[in-house]
Amino acid sequence: MKRIIIALAFVTLLVTQSFAATKDLYQIKIYHLKTAEQEQMVENYLEKAYLPALHRAGITKAGVFKNIKSQAADKKDELLIYVFVPYKSANDIPKIEQKLLKDMAYNKDGAAYLDAAYDKTPYDRIETILISAFDGSPKFNLSGVTSPKAERVYELRSYEGPTEKLYQSKVKMFNTGDEIGLFKRLGFNAVFYGTVIAGTRMPNLMYMTTFANKADRDKHWEAFVSDSEWKTLSAVEEYKHTVSNTTITFLYPTNYSDL
């Protein structure tokens, strides 16, 4: 009997590990820039060196996005560039980095960025966020939006939980409650949903939806908040008071972005 229990536990472990390996791990790198010169240097590096090297290393699709500037006359927007890289597992991150170090074309094409002098840095800081895909959406998706890239709106949302326990209820709302399915039914063209496992603001979940333009985005959210399924879901007691802070960032893909 004891051997049977041990055997079953071993099988369960294998199944669990196998299932976990089927979920993506996402890395979002945010370049904080101070000048237009830095912006151009980073963009040249990403377009000519980094993305081509990722492709050679086995990452077939990666996204590069820029923040949509605010329309408010009294607000000065920070220069930001977002890079989204999907990995099959955490082990792939150091493997890809090693491949890039040995990639002669990458080091040559990215020399201006990689070998920048201490007093002519290509950025102010780089912020990195690691995200584990939700069970209900284990793989990233290409957007179905076909409008010109400069017109598109990619909405990156960050939901911070007031406590770890309440945060898990919000995650459950997406997976078990099928908020993901609601977004899909309403045509939000989501790229990913996931739990932030390393970042500056936690506990936290993030997801990205895509739209043809700002008007299309507003139309979709109007449909969402008035949808009967959402009204029922949001009325569930367990799912109430599970978000303490929401950060919404509007982005558009660069012309060389894969997503």
Foldseek 3Di string as FASTA:
>chain_A
DVVVVVVVVVVVVVVVVVLQLLFKKKKKKKFFADDVQLVVLVVQLVQQAVVVLVCVLPQVAKFKKWFDDDPDPPDDDTGMIMIMGIDSDPVVPVVSVVSLVVDPSNCVSSVCQVVPDPVGHSGDDMFMWMWIFQPQFRAFDDFPADAPLVAKKKKKKKFAFPDPQLLVLQSCCVHVVVPVVVCVVLRQRWGGKTATPDGDGPRMIMTITMDNHPVRVVVSVVCQVPDPSNVVSQPPPSNPRGGDDMDITIITTDPSHRD
